[in-house]
Amino acid sequence: MSAPLQIVGGALHRDGRTLWAGLDLTVHPGELIAVLGPSGSGKTSLVRAILGLDKLSAGTISVLDTPVTHKGNRRIGYIPQQRPLPPDTSLRGRDLIMLGVTGHRFGFPVRRKADAQRVERLIDAVDARSFADRPVGQLSGGEQQRLRAGQALADEPGLLLCDEPLTSLDLANQQGLVALLDQYRRRTQAGVLLVTHDINPVLDSVDRILYLAGGKFTLGTPAEVLNSEVLSDLYGAPVEVLRAGGRLVVVGAPDAGEAHCHAEADAHGGDQ
């Protein structure tokens, strides 16, 4: 089976600054990799490069053995950061998912029976049956994010990119969305790259962590990456990794003013 994602010698420079360089990353079938790092470290830029929206300064990216281009790739699913839709948005939940099924077609949309059946399966897959016919503007952030997940899974993507998908969600909705992603990648063997500011909601599901900071990176299992020695070396300053109430907390990082300590119990704000 082809690797869902492969980056060889990847580098990205912005405004004379190196975000990261020399990145070799292979996401294996069924693997979930979390991407961590402070604001401005290049996490969202990495996602944009994989989507073909930003061009690497060096290196190559391929998805399922196909080089990434600016034209996009229907085999990539994308779940963005949760941003509430305007309250007056009249689009129904099922219509939002339907856009993932038919939105790539040009011209007048044809409501095929197969499309309708696919939408019904996706509604059930993301547990959205109870609100599928309500206007999306009236739904909670967690409900809207479930619909975005359904949209992203419409084409059974082999690679799923999630850019801060848990931001602003309460604990129950975070757990529900993580369980959904976990079930999908285990069932389909899709690769998942998930950008997050807080590792705790996904810690039990993560296979490896890519940690970006200060123009450098480290890649490994949670135990290999989330320890004081490794993060101190990455930041070039003393950093401690503590366990508090069953959660991991990173303290002492030079840029930790943004709750980048992966664990304030009630803090679910985002970083880019």
Protein backbone atom coordinates (compact mmCIF):
# COMPACT_ATOMS: atom_id res chain seq x y z
CA MET A 1 0.00 0.00 0.00
CA SER A 2 1.30 3.43 -0.96
CA ALA A 3 2.27 5.90 1.73
CA PRO A 4 -0.56 8.43 2.22
CA LEU A 5 2.03 11.20 2.52
CA GLN A 6 5.73 11.51 1.82
CA ILE A 7 7.84 14.64 2.21
CA VAL A 8 11.51 14.50 1.19
CA GLY A 9 13.95 17.27 2.07
CA GLY A 10 11.10 19.70 2.75
CA ALA A 11 11.91 23.31 3.64
CA LEU A 12 9.84 26.44 3.97
CA HIS A 13 11.21 29.99 4.32
CA ARG A 14 9.10 33.06 4.99
CA ASP A 15 10.31 36.69 5.10
CA GLY A 16 13.93 35.63 5.41
CA ARG A 17 13.14 33.22 8.23
CA THR A 18 13.36 29.44 8.13
CA LEU A 19 10.17 27.82 9.44
CA TRP A 20 11.60 24.34 8.97
CA ALA A 21 14.13 22.64 6.72
CA GLY A 22 15.42 19.16 5.98
CA LEU A 23 12.05 17.60 6.75
CA ASP A 24 11.73 13.95 5.75
CA LEU A 25 8.33 12.65 6.74
CA THR A 26 6.44 9.54 5.71
CA VAL A 27 2.92 9.03 7.02
CA HIS A 28 2.24 5.31 6.88
CA PRO A 29 -1.15 3.74 6.08
CA GLY A 30 -3.44 4.02 9.10
CA GLU A 31 -1.01 6.27 10.99
CA LEU A 32 -2.03 9.38 12.93
CA ILE A 33 0.65 12.02 13.36
CA ALA A 34 0.04 15.10 15.51
CA VAL A 35 1.82 18.34 14.56
CA LEU A 36 2.67 20.56 17.53
CA GLY A 37 4.53 23.82 17.95
CA PRO A 38 4.18 27.46 18.94
CA SER A 39 2.42 30.11 16.90
CA GLY A 40 4.38 31.00 13.78
CA SER A 41 6.34 27.73 13.69
CA GLY A 42 4.89 26.71 10.33
CA LYS A 43 2.19 24.19 11.26
CA THR A 44 -0.57 25.65 9.09
CA SER A 45 1.98 26.41 6.37
CA LEU A 46 2.84 22.71 6.30
CA VAL A 47 -0.82 21.83 5.75
CA ARG A 48 -1.13 24.46 3.02
CA ALA A 49 1.96 23.07 1.27
CA ILE A 50 0.48 19.56 1.30
CA LEU A 51 -2.76 20.95 -0.13
CA GLY A 52 -0.76 22.63 -2.90
CA LEU A 53 -1.65 26.14 -1.73
CA ASP A 54 1.91 27.06 -0.70
CA LYS A 55 5.05 26.04 -2.56
CA LEU A 56 7.95 24.49 -0.67
CA SER A 57 11.23 26.39 -0.66
CA ALA A 58 12.96 23.04 -1.17
CA GLY A 59 12.05 19.38 -1.34
CA THR A 60 9.08 17.40 -2.64
CA ILE A 61 5.67 16.27 -1.42
CA SER A 62 3.69 13.31 -2.73
CA VAL A 63 0.31 11.97 -1.69
CA LEU A 64 -0.32 8.29 -2.46
CA ASP A 65 2.61 8.36 -4.90
CA THR A 66 1.22 11.41 -6.72
CA PRO A 67 3.26 14.66 -6.63
CA VAL A 68 1.37 17.55 -5.04
CA THR A 69 0.33 20.30 -7.45
CA HIS A 70 -1.64 23.52 -7.16
CA LYS A 71 -4.61 21.74 -8.78
CA GLY A 72 -5.51 19.92 -5.61
CA ASN A 73 -6.17 16.27 -4.98
CA ARG A 74 -9.54 14.66 -4.28
CA ARG A 75 -7.75 11.95 -2.31
CA ILE A 76 -6.95 14.52 0.38
CA GLY A 77 -9.64 15.31 2.94
CA TYR A 78 -9.36 18.57 4.86
CA ILE A 79 -10.96 19.58 8.16
CA PRO A 80 -10.24 23.24 9.00
CA GLN A 81 -10.16 24.95 12.36
CA GLN A 82 -13.64 25.27 13.84
CA ARG A 83 -15.07 28.68 12.98
CA PRO A 84 -18.78 29.28 13.68
CA LEU A 85 -20.90 29.84 10.60
CA PRO A 86 -23.06 33.00 10.62
CA PRO A 87 -26.34 32.50 12.53
CA ASP A 88 -28.38 33.42 9.45
CA THR A 89 -26.80 30.70 7.27
CA SER A 90 -29.84 28.82 5.96
CA LEU A 91 -27.92 25.89 4.46
CA ARG A 92 -28.99 22.66 6.13
CA GLY A 93 -26.57 20.21 7.66
CA ARG A 94 -27.11 17.66 4.91
CA ASP A 95 -26.55 20.38 2.28
CA LEU A 96 -23.13 21.11 3.77
CA ILE A 97 -22.19 17.44 3.48
CA MET A 98 -23.65 17.30 -0.04
CA LEU A 99 -21.15 19.99 -1.08
CA GLY A 100 -18.39 17.52 -0.25
CA VAL A 101 -20.03 14.93 -2.51
CA THR A 102 -20.92 17.13 -5.51
CA GLY A 103 -18.95 20.35 -5.01
CA HIS A 104 -16.15 19.30 -7.36
CA ARG A 105 -18.50 19.07 -10.32
CA PHE A 106 -18.91 22.03 -12.65
CA GLY A 107 -22.21 23.29 -13.98
CA PHE A 108 -25.68 22.71 -12.60
CA PRO A 109 -25.56 20.15 -9.77
CA VAL A 110 -27.37 16.93 -10.58
CA ARG A 111 -28.91 15.25 -7.55
CA ARG A 112 -28.13 11.64 -8.34
CA LYS A 113 -29.59 8.83 -6.27
CA ALA A 114 -26.07 7.58 -5.50
CA ASP A 115 -25.12 11.02 -4.19
CA ALA A 116 -28.14 11.15 -1.90
CA GLN A 117 -27.35 7.70 -0.55
CA ARG A 118 -23.75 8.70 0.02
CA VAL A 119 -24.86 11.77 1.99
CA GLU A 120 -27.11 9.62 4.18
CA ARG A 121 -24.21 7.28 4.97
CA LEU A 122 -21.95 10.22 5.83
CA ILE A 123 -24.61 11.72 8.09
CA ASP A 124 -24.70 8.50 10.06
CA ALA A 125 -20.91 8.14 10.00
CA VAL A 126 -20.44 11.49 11.76
CA ASP A 127 -23.46 10.99 14.04
CA ALA A 128 -25.31 13.99 12.61
CA ARG A 129 -28.75 12.43 12.06
CA SER A 130 -30.42 14.48 14.80
CA PHE A 131 -29.47 17.83 13.26
CA ALA A 132 -28.99 17.04 9.56
CA ASP A 133 -32.10 18.99 8.53
CA ARG A 134 -31.52 22.06 10.70
CA PRO A 135 -29.95 25.29 9.37
CA VAL A 136 -26.21 25.09 10.05
CA GLY A 137 -26.17 28.62 11.47
CA GLN A 138 -28.29 27.40 14.37
CA LEU A 139 -26.00 24.50 15.25
CA SER A 140 -23.35 24.36 17.96
CA GLY A 141 -19.65 24.47 17.13
CA GLY A 142 -19.34 20.74 17.74
CA GLU A 143 -22.26 19.95 15.45
CA GLN A 144 -20.86 22.17 12.70
CA GLN A 145 -17.47 20.49 13.02
CA ARG A 146 -19.03 17.03 12.66
CA LEU A 147 -20.61 18.21 9.41
CA ARG A 148 -17.23 19.52 8.20
CA ALA A 149 -15.78 16.09 8.97
CA GLY A 150 -18.53 14.49 6.90
CA GLN A 151 -17.69 16.87 4.06
CA ALA A 152 -13.99 15.96 4.31
CA LEU A 153 -14.70 12.22 4.24
CA ALA A 154 -17.04 12.41 1.24
CA ASP A 155 -14.51 10.92 -1.19
CA GLU A 156 -13.01 8.37 1.23
CA PRO A 157 -9.66 10.24 1.20
CA GLY A 158 -6.44 8.32 1.67
CA LEU A 159 -4.95 11.29 3.53
CA LEU A 160 -6.84 13.42 6.03
CA LEU A 161 -5.44 16.83 7.00
CA CYS A 162 -6.86 18.42 10.14
CA ASP A 163 -5.80 21.98 10.98
CA GLU A 164 -6.70 22.70 14.62
CA PRO A 165 -10.05 20.86 14.28
CA LEU A 166 -10.64 20.76 18.05
CA THR A 167 -10.30 24.50 18.71
CA SER A 168 -13.23 25.99 20.66
CA LEU A 169 -14.91 22.59 21.12
CA ASP A 170 -15.87 21.38 24.59
CA LEU A 171 -14.39 18.16 25.94
CA ALA A 172 -17.29 15.94 24.84
CA ASN A 173 -17.17 17.23 21.26
CA GLN A 174 -13.38 16.95 21.18
CA GLN A 175 -13.62 13.31 22.24
CA GLY A 176 -16.36 12.63 19.70
CA LEU A 177 -14.39 14.10 16.80
CA VAL A 178 -11.17 12.32 17.79
CA ALA A 179 -13.07 9.01 18.01
CA LEU A 180 -14.50 9.64 14.55
CA LEU A 181 -11.05 10.28 13.05
CA ASP A 182 -9.63 7.27 14.84
CA GLN A 183 -12.35 4.96 13.55
CA TYR A 184 -11.99 6.27 10.00
CA ARG A 185 -8.24 5.79 9.74
CA ARG A 186 -8.38 2.30 11.26
CA ARG A 187 -11.19 1.25 8.92
CA THR A 188 -9.69 2.68 5.71
CA GLN A 189 -5.95 2.72 6.54
CA ALA A 190 -5.89 6.40 5.62
CA GLY A 191 -3.12 8.55 7.02
CA VAL A 192 -4.04 11.43 9.32
CA LEU A 193 -1.97 14.57 9.94
CA LEU A 194 -3.54 16.58 12.76
CA VAL A 195 -2.33 20.04 13.77
CA THR A 196 -3.16 20.85 17.38
CA HIS A 197 -2.08 23.23 20.14
CA ASP A 198 -3.07 20.70 22.84
CA ILE A 199 -1.91 17.10 22.59
CA ASN A 200 -4.06 15.84 25.45
CA PRO A 201 -7.34 15.21 23.57
CA VAL A 202 -5.55 13.04 20.99
CA LEU A 203 -2.72 11.58 23.07
CA ASP A 204 -4.26 8.10 23.28
CA SER A 205 -4.70 7.94 19.49
CA VAL A 206 -1.41 9.44 18.29
CA ASP A 207 1.27 7.22 16.76
CA ARG A 208 3.94 9.89 16.31
CA ILE A 209 4.44 13.61 16.93
CA LEU A 210 6.07 16.17 14.65
CA TYR A 211 7.12 19.10 16.85
CA LEU A 212 8.10 22.35 15.13
CA ALA A 213 9.87 25.17 16.99
CA GLY A 214 12.51 27.78 16.34
CA GLY A 215 13.16 26.75 12.73
CA LYS A 216 13.84 23.17 13.80
CA PHE A 217 11.77 20.04 14.31
CA THR A 218 11.78 16.68 16.02
CA LEU A 219 9.80 13.58 15.06
CA GLY A 220 9.03 10.50 17.11
CA THR A 221 6.61 8.74 19.41
CA PRO A 222 4.97 10.79 22.18
CA ALA A 223 7.39 9.30 24.71
CA GLU A 224 10.38 10.16 22.50
CA VAL A 225 9.30 13.76 21.80
CA LEU A 226 7.37 14.96 24.84
CA ASN A 227 10.12 14.95 27.40
CA SER A 228 12.16 17.72 28.99
CA GLU A 229 15.49 16.83 27.36
CA VAL A 230 14.21 16.74 23.78
CA LEU A 231 12.12 19.92 24.03
CA SER A 232 14.89 21.80 25.83
CA ASP A 233 17.22 20.95 22.95
CA LEU A 234 14.57 21.96 20.39
CA TYR A 235 13.90 25.33 22.01
CA GLY A 236 17.49 25.95 23.10
CA ALA A 237 16.22 26.78 26.57
CA PRO A 238 15.17 24.82 29.68
CA VAL A 239 11.74 23.26 29.19
CA GLU A 240 9.91 20.92 31.54
CA VAL A 241 7.23 18.38 30.69
CA LEU A 242 4.99 17.63 33.64
CA ARG A 243 1.93 15.51 34.28
CA ALA A 244 -0.87 17.31 36.10
CA GLY A 245 -4.24 15.72 36.69
CA GLY A 246 -3.62 13.16 33.99
CA ARG A 247 -2.66 15.82 31.45
CA LEU A 248 0.69 16.75 29.95
CA VAL A 249 1.89 20.29 30.58
CA VAL A 250 4.87 21.88 28.85
CA VAL A 251 6.32 24.74 30.90
CA GLY A 252 9.24 27.08 30.36
CA ALA A 253 9.10 27.22 26.56
CA PRO A 254 10.20 30.71 25.44
CA ASP A 255 6.94 31.23 23.52
CA ALA A 256 4.56 29.53 25.92
CA GLY A 257 2.52 32.65 26.46
CA GLU A 258 -0.18 31.28 24.15
CA ALA A 259 -1.23 28.27 26.29
CA HIS A 260 1.23 26.36 24.16
CA CYS A 261 1.81 24.44 27.37
CA HIS A 262 -0.27 21.62 26.00
CA ALA A 263 -2.72 21.49 28.74
CA GLU A 264 -4.63 24.14 30.47
CA ALA A 265 -7.63 22.13 31.56
CA ASP A 266 -10.23 24.57 30.28
CA ALA A 267 -8.25 26.36 27.58
CA HIS A 268 -9.17 25.36 24.05
CA GLY A 269 -8.07 28.49 22.16
CA GLY A 270 -6.07 28.05 18.96
CA ASP A 271 -2.82 29.07 17.40
CA GLN A 272 -1.82 29.10 13.80
